[in-house]
């Protein structure tokens, strides 16, 4: 398994990871491609995101000491719930993932 530091951003249009040194986008998933997020059963600091890739789904595992916050902020994001899109958008949330 590869380990890279990333910034995990829950933005207004997508979930994005950035390289913290160069600020380049390393991955980005629009909310219509995002399937879900869940705690990893393997480690207490890991979470798994699932996204659509064509007709299949793909999973990626990330680790952070802020796992509960990442899970909560992602799951309550109004951008994941189409019924809430008429509400004002909260500011994007960013987490540094070691």
C-alpha atoms as a PDB file:
ATOM      1  CA  UNK A   1       0.000   0.000   0.000  1.00  0.00           C
ATOM      2  CA  UNK A   2       1.297   3.434  -0.915  1.00  0.00           C
ATOM      3  CA  UNK A   3       1.420   6.188   1.706  1.00  0.00           C
ATOM      4  CA  UNK A   4       1.354   9.808   0.598  1.00  0.00           C
ATOM      5  CA  UNK A   5       0.431  12.917   2.553  1.00  0.00           C
ATOM      6  CA  UNK A   6      -2.689  14.569   1.210  1.00  0.00           C
ATOM      7  CA  UNK A   7      -5.144  17.331   2.001  1.00  0.00           C
ATOM      8  CA  UNK A   8      -8.684  15.898   1.903  1.00  0.00           C
ATOM      9  CA  UNK A   9     -11.156  18.603   0.894  1.00  0.00           C
ATOM     10  CA  UNK A  10     -14.934  18.420   1.134  1.00  0.00           C
ATOM     11  CA  UNK A  11     -15.726  21.218  -1.277  1.00  0.00           C
ATOM     12  CA  UNK A  12     -18.838  22.762  -2.748  1.00  0.00           C
ATOM     13  CA  UNK A  13     -18.604  20.851  -6.050  1.00  0.00           C
ATOM     14  CA  UNK A  14     -16.476  17.800  -5.295  1.00  0.00           C
ATOM     15  CA  UNK A  15     -14.347  15.847  -2.881  1.00  0.00           C
ATOM     16  CA  UNK A  16     -10.727  16.513  -3.758  1.00  0.00           C
ATOM     17  CA  UNK A  17      -7.309  15.450  -2.523  1.00  0.00           C
ATOM     18  CA  UNK A  18      -4.309  17.728  -2.917  1.00  0.00           C
ATOM     19  CA  UNK A  19      -0.584  17.284  -2.601  1.00  0.00           C
ATOM     20  CA  UNK A  20       0.238  19.479   0.436  1.00  0.00           C
ATOM     21  CA  UNK A  21       3.631  20.490  -0.965  1.00  0.00           C
ATOM     22  CA  UNK A  22       2.615  21.513  -4.481  1.00  0.00           C
ATOM     23  CA  UNK A  23      -1.147  22.107  -3.975  1.00  0.00           C
ATOM     24  CA  UNK A  24      -1.773  20.034  -7.104  1.00  0.00           C
ATOM     25  CA  UNK A  25      -5.022  18.078  -7.310  1.00  0.00           C
ATOM     26  CA  UNK A  26      -4.214  14.376  -6.907  1.00  0.00           C
ATOM     27  CA  UNK A  27      -7.799  13.042  -7.064  1.00  0.00           C
ATOM     28  CA  UNK A  28     -11.225  14.586  -7.462  1.00  0.00           C
ATOM     29  CA  UNK A  29     -14.716  13.122  -7.394  1.00  0.00           C
ATOM     30  CA  UNK A  30     -17.833  15.116  -8.206  1.00  0.00           C
ATOM     31  CA  UNK A  31     -20.654  14.357  -5.797  1.00  0.00           C
ATOM     32  CA  UNK A  32     -22.553  12.411  -8.454  1.00  0.00           C
ATOM     33  CA  UNK A  33     -19.523  10.046  -8.646  1.00  0.00           C
ATOM     34  CA  UNK A  34     -19.185   9.728  -4.889  1.00  0.00           C
ATOM     35  CA  UNK A  35     -20.840   6.562  -3.540  1.00  0.00           C
ATOM     36  CA  UNK A  36     -19.906   6.671   0.128  1.00  0.00           C
ATOM     37  CA  UNK A  37     -17.473   6.891   3.001  1.00  0.00           C
ATOM     38  CA  UNK A  38     -17.059   4.472   5.896  1.00  0.00           C
ATOM     39  CA  UNK A  39     -14.652   3.630   8.698  1.00  0.00           C
ATOM     40  CA  UNK A  40     -12.156   0.931   7.842  1.00  0.00           C
ATOM     41  CA  UNK A  41     -12.481  -2.242   9.904  1.00  0.00           C
ATOM     42  CA  UNK A  42      -8.689  -2.724   9.679  1.00  0.00           C
ATOM     43  CA  UNK A  43      -7.479   0.317  11.624  1.00  0.00           C
ATOM     44  CA  UNK A  44      -9.020   2.919  13.921  1.00  0.00           C
ATOM     45  CA  UNK A  45      -7.448   5.802  11.995  1.00  0.00           C
ATOM     46  CA  UNK A  46      -8.465   4.697   8.477  1.00  0.00           C
ATOM     47  CA  UNK A  47     -11.528   5.366   6.350  1.00  0.00           C
ATOM     48  CA  UNK A  48     -12.596   4.098   2.947  1.00  0.00           C
ATOM     49  CA  UNK A  49     -14.201   6.147   0.208  1.00  0.00           C
ATOM     50  CA  UNK A  50     -16.136   4.508  -2.598  1.00  0.00           C
ATOM     51  CA  UNK A  51     -16.702   6.201  -5.919  1.00  0.00           C
ATOM     52  CA  UNK A  52     -18.090   5.311  -9.340  1.00  0.00           C
ATOM     53  CA  UNK A  53     -15.628   4.477 -12.062  1.00  0.00           C
ATOM     54  CA  UNK A  54     -17.575   3.799 -15.218  1.00  0.00           C
ATOM     55  CA  UNK A  55     -20.001   0.973 -14.466  1.00  0.00           C
ATOM     56  CA  UNK A  56     -17.968  -0.253 -11.510  1.00  0.00           C
ATOM     57  CA  UNK A  57     -17.005   1.176  -8.152  1.00  0.00           C
ATOM     58  CA  UNK A  58     -13.526   1.858  -6.829  1.00  0.00           C
ATOM     59  CA  UNK A  59     -12.403   2.144  -3.216  1.00  0.00           C
ATOM     60  CA  UNK A  60      -9.507   4.075  -1.729  1.00  0.00           C
ATOM     61  CA  UNK A  61      -8.286   3.963   1.855  1.00  0.00           C
ATOM     62  CA  UNK A  62      -6.988   6.993   3.719  1.00  0.00           C
ATOM     63  CA  UNK A  63      -5.657   7.398   7.242  1.00  0.00           C
ATOM     64  CA  UNK A  64      -5.875  10.340   9.617  1.00  0.00           C
ATOM     65  CA  UNK A  65      -5.989  11.049  13.309  1.00  0.00           C
ATOM     66  CA  UNK A  66      -9.175  13.026  12.525  1.00  0.00           C
ATOM     67  CA  UNK A  67     -11.204  10.079  11.187  1.00  0.00           C
ATOM     68  CA  UNK A  68     -14.396  10.843  13.168  1.00  0.00           C
ATOM     69  CA  UNK A  69     -14.385  14.442  11.965  1.00  0.00           C
ATOM     70  CA  UNK A  70     -13.741  13.488   8.330  1.00  0.00           C
ATOM     71  CA  UNK A  71     -16.549  10.913   8.386  1.00  0.00           C
ATOM     72  CA  UNK A  72     -18.999  13.272  10.073  1.00  0.00           C
ATOM     73  CA  UNK A  73     -18.237  16.312   7.915  1.00  0.00           C
ATOM     74  CA  UNK A  74     -18.465  14.256   4.733  1.00  0.00           C
ATOM     75  CA  UNK A  75     -21.712  12.531   5.695  1.00  0.00           C
ATOM     76  CA  UNK A  76     -23.471  15.738   6.740  1.00  0.00           C
ATOM     77  CA  UNK A  77     -22.346  17.657   3.662  1.00  0.00           C
ATOM     78  CA  UNK A  78     -25.462  19.034   1.970  1.00  0.00           C
ATOM     79  CA  UNK A  79     -23.792  18.434  -1.383  1.00  0.00           C
ATOM     80  CA  UNK A  80     -24.282  14.692  -0.902  1.00  0.00           C
ATOM     81  CA  UNK A  81     -28.014  15.131  -0.352  1.00  0.00           C
ATOM     82  CA  UNK A  82     -29.895  16.493  -3.356  1.00  0.00           C
ATOM     83  CA  UNK A  83     -32.813  17.535  -1.162  1.00  0.00           C
ATOM     84  CA  UNK A  84     -30.560  20.000   0.646  1.00  0.00           C
ATOM     85  CA  UNK A  85     -28.997  21.703  -2.370  1.00  0.00           C
ATOM     86  CA  UNK A  86     -31.277  24.724  -2.064  1.00  0.00           C
ATOM     87  CA  UNK A  87     -29.778  25.584   1.342  1.00  0.00           C
ATOM     88  CA  UNK A  88     -26.783  27.897   1.610  1.00  0.00           C
ATOM     89  CA  UNK A  89     -23.539  26.048   1.182  1.00  0.00           C
ATOM     90  CA  UNK A  90     -21.183  25.766   4.136  1.00  0.00           C
ATOM     91  CA  UNK A  91     -17.556  26.661   3.533  1.00  0.00           C
ATOM     92  CA  UNK A  92     -15.338  23.850   2.231  1.00  0.00           C
ATOM     93  CA  UNK A  93     -13.685  21.653   4.845  1.00  0.00           C
ATOM     94  CA  UNK A  94     -10.058  20.564   4.508  1.00  0.00           C
ATOM     95  CA  UNK A  95      -8.187  17.891   6.441  1.00  0.00           C
ATOM     96  CA  UNK A  96      -4.483  17.149   6.354  1.00  0.00           C
ATOM     97  CA  UNK A  97      -3.925  13.408   5.917  1.00  0.00           C
ATOM     98  CA  UNK A  98      -0.506  12.165   7.014  1.00  0.00           C
END
